[in-house]
Amino acid sequence: MRSSLKNRICLALDEPDVVRARSLLLAIGDMVGMIKVGPVLFMRSGMRFLEEISDRGIPLFLDLKWHDIPNTVFGAISGLSLPTLRLLTVHAQGGEAMIRAAREASDSLPGVSPLVLAVTLLTHLDDRELGRLGVSDRGAGVLGLGSLALESGAHGLVMAPGDLSSARNRFGGAPYLVTPGIRWEEGSVSGGGRKDDQVLAGSPKEALLGGSDLLVIGRPFLKSQDPKRLLEDLLSSV
């Protein structure tokens, strides 16, 4: 995977307006390494938009974060038929049997099997909310769930910028680490910009230095008046 993408930028089309999402796809879809579709767009466009991306030959990240009984997760993944599907997500909190079912289903798909990524603790969770969930230490929770997921067959993890360094130190270079929550001030990829609801947001350079394999970027492009120029500036700086 690391050598097969044109760059390490993943365009996140987390956009309820299908027309606007398609416009962004046409504007910069061929320039990024991958495109992510999550539940917001998927619930409005279904498989048709995914097939459109795949038909264009663009690597696809399906971010539906499955968290269900193993049989259901296996059935959902094994029914996918998207030639350019490269990444998919499950929740690590689904446990060993569910993650193994996801991996078995992924391995059974024809062609290039997509990597199974596990989500540990969502990036919007602050200490108060984690405490209500019974997690007293975010770092320990992330590493514990990450260990469980990787030992259960996940190829990698979805990892917030603030959690990257500890994950690389703990798990080494093998796991594929994908990073949402990328923010920066226009004109400087070194410093973080608005965090929105991403508590552990970080800049592109911070994430890459922390060991990220793929930067998932949505709102900066969705809010930009000139997403092509924004992407060109980003690619020339990282």
C-alpha atoms as a PDB file:
ATOM      1  CA  MET A   1       0.000   0.000   0.000  1.00  0.00           C
ATOM      2  CA  ARG A   2       2.721   2.475   0.942  1.00  0.00           C
ATOM      3  CA  SER A   3       4.377   2.312  -2.464  1.00  0.00           C
ATOM      4  CA  SER A   4       1.209   2.080  -4.567  1.00  0.00           C
ATOM      5  CA  LEU A   5      -0.322   5.515  -3.879  1.00  0.00           C
ATOM      6  CA  LYS A   6       0.676   8.655  -5.799  1.00  0.00           C
ATOM      7  CA  ASN A   7       0.825  10.619  -2.531  1.00  0.00           C
ATOM      8  CA  ARG A   8      -0.220  10.410   1.120  1.00  0.00           C
ATOM      9  CA  ILE A   9      -3.243  12.695   0.905  1.00  0.00           C
ATOM     10  CA  CYS A  10      -6.704  11.173   1.261  1.00  0.00           C
ATOM     11  CA  LEU A  11      -9.640  13.410   0.325  1.00  0.00           C
ATOM     12  CA  ALA A  12     -12.484  12.843   2.783  1.00  0.00           C
ATOM     13  CA  LEU A  13     -15.806  13.479   1.061  1.00  0.00           C
ATOM     14  CA  ASP A  14     -17.789  13.810   4.293  1.00  0.00           C
ATOM     15  CA  GLU A  15     -20.388  15.908   2.517  1.00  0.00           C
ATOM     16  CA  PRO A  16     -24.195  15.465   2.544  1.00  0.00           C
ATOM     17  CA  ASP A  17     -24.628  17.242  -0.796  1.00  0.00           C
ATOM     18  CA  VAL A  18     -23.908  14.641  -3.481  1.00  0.00           C
ATOM     19  CA  VAL A  19     -23.614  17.294  -6.204  1.00  0.00           C
ATOM     20  CA  ARG A  20     -21.009  19.212  -4.196  1.00  0.00           C
ATOM     21  CA  ALA A  21     -19.142  16.008  -3.375  1.00  0.00           C
ATOM     22  CA  ARG A  22     -19.039  15.086  -7.048  1.00  0.00           C
ATOM     23  CA  SER A  23     -17.787  18.564  -7.932  1.00  0.00           C
ATOM     24  CA  LEU A  24     -14.884  18.174  -5.508  1.00  0.00           C
ATOM     25  CA  LEU A  25     -14.215  14.681  -6.828  1.00  0.00           C
ATOM     26  CA  LEU A  26     -13.973  16.029 -10.379  1.00  0.00           C
ATOM     27  CA  ALA A  27     -11.826  18.994  -9.298  1.00  0.00           C
ATOM     28  CA  ILE A  28      -9.098  17.193  -7.353  1.00  0.00           C
ATOM     29  CA  GLY A  29      -9.990  13.486  -7.155  1.00  0.00           C
ATOM     30  CA  ASP A  30      -7.315  12.493  -9.662  1.00  0.00           C
ATOM     31  CA  MET A  31      -4.658  14.465  -7.753  1.00  0.00           C
ATOM     32  CA  VAL A  32      -4.937  12.748  -4.371  1.00  0.00           C
ATOM     33  CA  GLY A  33      -3.658   9.361  -3.293  1.00  0.00           C
ATOM     34  CA  MET A  34      -7.049   8.143  -2.125  1.00  0.00           C
ATOM     35  CA  ILE A  35     -10.660   9.186  -1.538  1.00  0.00           C
ATOM     36  CA  LYS A  36     -12.604   8.427   1.632  1.00  0.00           C
ATOM     37  CA  VAL A  37     -16.366   7.984   1.776  1.00  0.00           C
ATOM     38  CA  GLY A  38     -18.010   7.717   5.172  1.00  0.00           C
ATOM     39  CA  PRO A  39     -21.589   7.323   6.384  1.00  0.00           C
ATOM     40  CA  VAL A  40     -22.684  10.926   5.657  1.00  0.00           C
ATOM     41  CA  LEU A  41     -22.234  10.625   1.898  1.00  0.00           C
ATOM     42  CA  PHE A  42     -22.879   6.887   1.742  1.00  0.00           C
ATOM     43  CA  MET A  43     -26.346   7.233   3.275  1.00  0.00           C
ATOM     44  CA  ARG A  44     -27.287   9.698   0.533  1.00  0.00           C
ATOM     45  CA  SER A  45     -25.637   8.114  -2.478  1.00  0.00           C
ATOM     46  CA  GLY A  46     -25.254   4.427  -1.592  1.00  0.00           C
ATOM     47  CA  MET A  47     -23.064   2.262  -3.758  1.00  0.00           C
ATOM     48  CA  ARG A  48     -23.458   4.440  -6.839  1.00  0.00           C
ATOM     49  CA  PHE A  49     -20.964   7.059  -5.714  1.00  0.00           C
ATOM     50  CA  LEU A  50     -18.488   4.395  -4.581  1.00  0.00           C
ATOM     51  CA  GLU A  51     -18.732   2.743  -7.982  1.00  0.00           C
ATOM     52  CA  GLU A  52     -18.168   6.106  -9.662  1.00  0.00           C
ATOM     53  CA  ILE A  53     -14.928   6.573  -7.736  1.00  0.00           C
ATOM     54  CA  SER A  54     -13.833   3.019  -8.462  1.00  0.00           C
ATOM     55  CA  ASP A  55     -14.682   3.369 -12.167  1.00  0.00           C
ATOM     56  CA  ARG A  56     -12.315   6.353 -12.295  1.00  0.00           C
ATOM     57  CA  GLY A  57      -9.523   4.112 -11.004  1.00  0.00           C
ATOM     58  CA  ILE A  58      -9.047   6.091  -7.786  1.00  0.00           C
ATOM     59  CA  PRO A  59      -8.101   4.138  -4.627  1.00  0.00           C
ATOM     60  CA  LEU A  60     -11.066   4.081  -2.263  1.00  0.00           C
ATOM     61  CA  PHE A  61     -11.289   4.186   1.532  1.00  0.00           C
ATOM     62  CA  LEU A  62     -14.699   3.006   2.803  1.00  0.00           C
ATOM     63  CA  ASP A  63     -14.998   4.404   6.311  1.00  0.00           C
ATOM     64  CA  LEU A  64     -18.195   2.884   7.727  1.00  0.00           C
ATOM     65  CA  LYS A  65     -16.632   1.805  11.045  1.00  0.00           C
ATOM     66  CA  TRP A  66     -18.434  -1.500  11.398  1.00  0.00           C
ATOM     67  CA  HIS A  67     -19.196  -2.474  14.992  1.00  0.00           C
ATOM     68  CA  ASP A  68     -21.526  -5.461  15.139  1.00  0.00           C
ATOM     69  CA  ILE A  69     -21.571  -9.200  15.721  1.00  0.00           C
ATOM     70  CA  PRO A  70     -18.905 -11.077  13.724  1.00  0.00           C
ATOM     71  CA  ASN A  71     -21.369 -12.735  11.339  1.00  0.00           C
ATOM     72  CA  THR A  72     -22.911  -9.389  10.374  1.00  0.00           C
ATOM     73  CA  VAL A  73     -19.547  -7.727   9.834  1.00  0.00           C
ATOM     74  CA  PHE A  74     -18.329 -10.673   7.752  1.00  0.00           C
ATOM     75  CA  GLY A  75     -21.474 -10.533   5.616  1.00  0.00           C
ATOM     76  CA  ALA A  76     -21.239  -6.780   5.058  1.00  0.00           C
ATOM     77  CA  ILE A  77     -17.600  -6.812   3.980  1.00  0.00           C
ATOM     78  CA  SER A  78     -17.724  -9.990   1.922  1.00  0.00           C
ATOM     79  CA  GLY A  79     -20.520  -8.451  -0.172  1.00  0.00           C
ATOM     80  CA  LEU A  80     -18.366  -5.570  -1.393  1.00  0.00           C
ATOM     81  CA  SER A  81     -17.487  -5.450  -5.080  1.00  0.00           C
ATOM     82  CA  LEU A  82     -15.295  -2.403  -5.688  1.00  0.00           C
ATOM     83  CA  PRO A  83     -12.071  -3.014  -7.653  1.00  0.00           C
ATOM     84  CA  THR A  84     -10.211  -0.035  -6.195  1.00  0.00           C
ATOM     85  CA  LEU A  85     -11.261  -0.538  -2.554  1.00  0.00           C
ATOM     86  CA  ARG A  86      -8.056  -0.336  -0.518  1.00  0.00           C
ATOM     87  CA  LEU A  87      -9.064   0.507   3.075  1.00  0.00           C
ATOM     88  CA  LEU A  88     -12.039  -0.184   5.333  1.00  0.00           C
ATOM     89  CA  THR A  89     -12.692   0.422   9.023  1.00  0.00           C
ATOM     90  CA  VAL A  90     -14.053  -1.412  12.044  1.00  0.00           C
ATOM     91  CA  HIS A  91     -14.228  -0.408  15.706  1.00  0.00           C
ATOM     92  CA  ALA A  92     -11.574  -2.077  17.850  1.00  0.00           C
ATOM     93  CA  GLN A  93     -14.145  -2.186  20.644  1.00  0.00           C
ATOM     94  CA  GLY A  94     -15.976  -4.835  18.614  1.00  0.00           C
ATOM     95  CA  GLY A  95     -13.446  -7.308  19.968  1.00  0.00           C
ATOM     96  CA  GLU A  96     -11.223 -10.081  18.682  1.00  0.00           C
ATOM     97  CA  ALA A  97     -13.845 -12.269  17.001  1.00  0.00           C
ATOM     98  CA  MET A  98     -15.373  -9.364  15.094  1.00  0.00           C
ATOM     99  CA  ILE A  99     -12.000  -8.078  13.900  1.00  0.00           C
ATOM    100  CA  ARG A 100     -10.978 -11.563  12.778  1.00  0.00           C
ATOM    101  CA  ALA A 101     -14.262 -11.864  10.861  1.00  0.00           C
ATOM    102  CA  ALA A 102     -13.548  -8.544   9.144  1.00  0.00           C
ATOM    103  CA  ARG A 103     -10.072  -9.704   8.161  1.00  0.00           C
ATOM    104  CA  GLU A 104     -11.370 -13.039   6.851  1.00  0.00           C
ATOM    105  CA  ALA A 105     -14.009 -11.249   4.780  1.00  0.00           C
ATOM    106  CA  SER A 106     -11.450  -8.808   3.391  1.00  0.00           C
ATOM    107  CA  ASP A 107      -9.081 -11.630   2.485  1.00  0.00           C
ATOM    108  CA  SER A 108     -11.910 -13.384   0.631  1.00  0.00           C
ATOM    109  CA  LEU A 109     -12.580 -10.483  -1.744  1.00  0.00           C
ATOM    110  CA  PRO A 110     -11.345 -10.872  -5.334  1.00  0.00           C
ATOM    111  CA  GLY A 111      -8.367  -8.890  -6.554  1.00  0.00           C
ATOM    112  CA  VAL A 112      -6.386  -6.752  -4.121  1.00  0.00           C
ATOM    113  CA  SER A 113      -7.700  -7.327  -0.594  1.00  0.00           C
ATOM    114  CA  PRO A 114      -8.385  -4.041   1.238  1.00  0.00           C
ATOM    115  CA  LEU A 115      -6.575  -3.381   4.482  1.00  0.00           C
ATOM    116  CA  VAL A 116      -8.664  -3.602   7.651  1.00  0.00           C
ATOM    117  CA  LEU A 117      -8.110  -0.598   9.912  1.00  0.00           C
ATOM    118  CA  ALA A 118      -9.316  -0.446  13.491  1.00  0.00           C
ATOM    119  CA  VAL A 119     -10.634   2.704  15.139  1.00  0.00           C
ATOM    120  CA  THR A 120      -9.560   2.884  18.788  1.00  0.00           C
ATOM    121  CA  LEU A 121     -10.925   6.006  20.516  1.00  0.00           C
ATOM    122  CA  LEU A 122     -12.694   8.597  18.403  1.00  0.00           C
ATOM    123  CA  THR A 123     -10.846  11.879  18.020  1.00  0.00           C
ATOM    124  CA  HIS A 124     -13.648  14.079  19.368  1.00  0.00           C
ATOM    125  CA  LEU A 125     -13.616  12.424  22.814  1.00  0.00           C
ATOM    126  CA  ASP A 126     -12.219  14.669  25.528  1.00  0.00           C
ATOM    127  CA  ASP A 127     -11.239  13.583  29.055  1.00  0.00           C
ATOM    128  CA  ARG A 128     -14.732  14.178  30.433  1.00  0.00           C
ATOM    129  CA  GLU A 129     -16.415  11.995  27.840  1.00  0.00           C
ATOM    130  CA  LEU A 130     -13.737   9.317  28.103  1.00  0.00           C
ATOM    131  CA  GLY A 131     -14.283   9.240  31.852  1.00  0.00           C
ATOM    132  CA  ARG A 132     -17.994   8.642  31.344  1.00  0.00           C
ATOM    133  CA  LEU A 133     -17.050   5.714  29.098  1.00  0.00           C
ATOM    134  CA  GLY A 134     -14.847   4.253  31.801  1.00  0.00           C
ATOM    135  CA  VAL A 135     -11.542   5.252  30.199  1.00  0.00           C
ATOM    136  CA  SER A 136      -9.305   7.007  32.717  1.00  0.00           C
ATOM    137  CA  ASP A 137      -6.221   7.351  30.503  1.00  0.00           C
ATOM    138  CA  ARG A 138      -6.590   8.088  26.795  1.00  0.00           C
ATOM    139  CA  GLY A 139      -3.088   6.984  25.874  1.00  0.00           C
ATOM    140  CA  ALA A 140      -3.430   3.640  27.625  1.00  0.00           C
ATOM    141  CA  GLY A 141      -6.866   3.130  26.095  1.00  0.00           C
ATOM    142  CA  VAL A 142      -5.631   3.806  22.573  1.00  0.00           C
ATOM    143  CA  LEU A 143      -2.622   1.503  22.926  1.00  0.00           C
ATOM    144  CA  GLY A 144      -4.664  -1.246  24.579  1.00  0.00           C
ATOM    145  CA  LEU A 145      -7.321  -1.252  21.869  1.00  0.00           C
ATOM    146  CA  GLY A 146      -4.629  -0.952  19.213  1.00  0.00           C
ATOM    147  CA  SER A 147      -2.829  -4.018  20.552  1.00  0.00           C
ATOM    148  CA  LEU A 148      -6.075  -5.982  20.605  1.00  0.00           C
ATOM    149  CA  ALA A 149      -6.896  -5.014  17.034  1.00  0.00           C
ATOM    150  CA  LEU A 150      -3.478  -5.796  15.572  1.00  0.00           C
ATOM    151  CA  GLU A 151      -3.258  -9.112  17.409  1.00  0.00           C
ATOM    152  CA  SER A 152      -6.714  -9.965  16.025  1.00  0.00           C
ATOM    153  CA  GLY A 153      -5.721  -9.454  12.402  1.00  0.00           C
ATOM    154  CA  ALA A 154      -6.160  -5.755  11.659  1.00  0.00           C
ATOM    155  CA  HIS A 155      -3.579  -4.399   9.230  1.00  0.00           C
ATOM    156  CA  GLY A 156      -3.471  -0.990  10.842  1.00  0.00           C
ATOM    157  CA  LEU A 157      -5.134   1.669  12.940  1.00  0.00           C
ATOM    158  CA  VAL A 158      -6.887   4.984  12.585  1.00  0.00           C
ATOM    159  CA  MET A 159      -4.772   7.222  14.771  1.00  0.00           C
ATOM    160  CA  ALA A 160      -5.250  10.883  15.789  1.00  0.00           C
ATOM    161  CA  PRO A 161      -2.211  13.144  15.336  1.00  0.00           C
ATOM    162  CA  GLY A 162      -1.712  13.346  19.087  1.00  0.00           C
ATOM    163  CA  ASP A 163      -1.599   9.559  19.424  1.00  0.00           C
ATOM    164  CA  LEU A 164       0.761   8.780  16.535  1.00  0.00           C
ATOM    165  CA  SER A 165       4.163   8.893  18.208  1.00  0.00           C
ATOM    166  CA  SER A 166       3.174   6.610  21.076  1.00  0.00           C
ATOM    167  CA  ALA A 167       1.605   4.168  18.610  1.00  0.00           C
ATOM    168  CA  ARG A 168       4.724   4.004  16.442  1.00  0.00           C
ATOM    169  CA  ASN A 169       6.900   3.542  19.512  1.00  0.00           C
ATOM    170  CA  ARG A 170       4.680   0.723  20.734  1.00  0.00           C
ATOM    171  CA  PHE A 171       3.839  -1.077  17.477  1.00  0.00           C
ATOM    172  CA  GLY A 172       6.810  -0.295  15.231  1.00  0.00           C
ATOM    173  CA  GLY A 173       6.751   0.411  11.525  1.00  0.00           C
ATOM    174  CA  ALA A 174       4.572  -2.444  10.284  1.00  0.00           C
ATOM    175  CA  PRO A 175       1.000  -1.265  11.036  1.00  0.00           C
ATOM    176  CA  TYR A 176      -0.549   1.069   8.487  1.00  0.00           C
ATOM    177  CA  LEU A 177      -1.516   4.230  10.387  1.00  0.00           C
ATOM    178  CA  VAL A 178      -4.170   6.527   8.958  1.00  0.00           C
ATOM    179  CA  THR A 179      -4.680   9.977  10.456  1.00  0.00           C
ATOM    180  CA  PRO A 180      -7.814  12.142  10.510  1.00  0.00           C
ATOM    181  CA  GLY A 181      -8.047  15.477  12.303  1.00  0.00           C
ATOM    182  CA  ILE A 182      -5.567  17.274  10.032  1.00  0.00           C
ATOM    183  CA  ARG A 183      -5.788  21.050  10.361  1.00  0.00           C
ATOM    184  CA  TRP A 184      -3.445  23.879   9.410  1.00  0.00           C
ATOM    185  CA  GLU A 185      -3.368  27.597   8.787  1.00  0.00           C
ATOM    186  CA  GLU A 186      -3.434  28.398   5.093  1.00  0.00           C
ATOM    187  CA  GLY A 187       0.122  28.976   3.930  1.00  0.00           C
ATOM    188  CA  SER A 188       1.724  26.944   6.725  1.00  0.00           C
ATOM    189  CA  VAL A 189       1.480  23.157   6.953  1.00  0.00           C
ATOM    190  CA  SER A 190       3.614  23.163  10.098  1.00  0.00           C
ATOM    191  CA  GLY A 191       1.139  24.887  12.406  1.00  0.00           C
ATOM    192  CA  GLY A 192      -2.339  23.698  13.303  1.00  0.00           C
ATOM    193  CA  GLY A 193      -5.415  25.717  12.434  1.00  0.00           C
ATOM    194  CA  ARG A 194      -8.981  25.419  13.693  1.00  0.00           C
ATOM    195  CA  LYS A 195      -9.619  22.144  15.476  1.00  0.00           C
ATOM    196  CA  ASP A 196     -13.403  22.093  14.929  1.00  0.00           C
ATOM    197  CA  ASP A 197     -14.567  19.003  16.882  1.00  0.00           C
ATOM    198  CA  GLN A 198     -11.200  17.235  16.596  1.00  0.00           C
ATOM    199  CA  VAL A 199      -9.705  17.432  20.096  1.00  0.00           C
ATOM    200  CA  LEU A 200      -6.362  15.973  18.996  1.00  0.00           C
ATOM    201  CA  ALA A 201      -6.033  17.791  15.673  1.00  0.00           C
ATOM    202  CA  GLY A 202      -2.581  18.388  14.226  1.00  0.00           C
ATOM    203  CA  SER A 203      -0.869  19.817  11.171  1.00  0.00           C
ATOM    204  CA  PRO A 204       0.176  17.749   8.131  1.00  0.00           C
ATOM    205  CA  LYS A 205       3.866  17.962   9.040  1.00  0.00           C
ATOM    206  CA  GLU A 206       3.207  17.031  12.654  1.00  0.00           C
ATOM    207  CA  ALA A 207       1.303  13.940  11.547  1.00  0.00           C
ATOM    208  CA  LEU A 208       3.935  12.852   9.038  1.00  0.00           C
ATOM    209  CA  LEU A 209       6.727  13.338  11.569  1.00  0.00           C
ATOM    210  CA  GLY A 210       4.684  11.288  14.046  1.00  0.00           C
ATOM    211  CA  GLY A 211       4.633   8.354  11.655  1.00  0.00           C
ATOM    212  CA  SER A 212       1.377   8.656   9.697  1.00  0.00           C
ATOM    213  CA  ASP A 213       1.076   6.734   6.437  1.00  0.00           C
ATOM    214  CA  LEU A 214      -1.987   8.583   5.135  1.00  0.00           C
ATOM    215  CA  LEU A 215      -3.430  12.011   5.970  1.00  0.00           C
ATOM    216  CA  VAL A 216      -7.229  12.117   5.818  1.00  0.00           C
ATOM    217  CA  ILE A 217      -8.345  15.669   5.031  1.00  0.00           C
ATOM    218  CA  GLY A 218     -11.931  16.745   4.561  1.00  0.00           C
ATOM    219  CA  ARG A 219     -13.149  20.065   5.920  1.00  0.00           C
ATOM    220  CA  PRO A 220     -10.146  22.167   4.816  1.00  0.00           C
ATOM    221  CA  PHE A 221     -10.931  21.169   1.204  1.00  0.00           C
ATOM    222  CA  LEU A 222     -14.699  21.338   1.624  1.00  0.00           C
ATOM    223  CA  LYS A 223     -14.471  24.870   3.014  1.00  0.00           C
ATOM    224  CA  SER A 224     -11.853  26.147   0.565  1.00  0.00           C
ATOM    225  CA  GLN A 225     -12.766  28.535  -2.240  1.00  0.00           C
ATOM    226  CA  ASP A 226      -9.950  27.007  -4.315  1.00  0.00           C
ATOM    227  CA  PRO A 227      -9.417  23.369  -3.272  1.00  0.00           C
ATOM    228  CA  LYS A 228      -7.090  22.660  -6.199  1.00  0.00           C
ATOM    229  CA  ARG A 229      -4.709  25.403  -5.196  1.00  0.00           C
ATOM    230  CA  LEU A 230      -4.926  24.333  -1.547  1.00  0.00           C
ATOM    231  CA  LEU A 231      -3.969  20.787  -2.524  1.00  0.00           C
ATOM    232  CA  GLU A 232      -1.133  21.960  -4.771  1.00  0.00           C
ATOM    233  CA  ASP A 233       0.275  24.088  -1.931  1.00  0.00           C
ATOM    234  CA  LEU A 234      -0.034  21.167   0.464  1.00  0.00           C
ATOM    235  CA  LEU A 235       1.687  18.707  -1.854  1.00  0.00           C
ATOM    236  CA  SER A 236       4.555  21.104  -2.452  1.00  0.00           C
ATOM    237  CA  SER A 237       5.089  21.500   1.289  1.00  0.00           C
ATOM    238  CA  VAL A 238       5.031  17.955   2.666  1.00  0.00           C
END
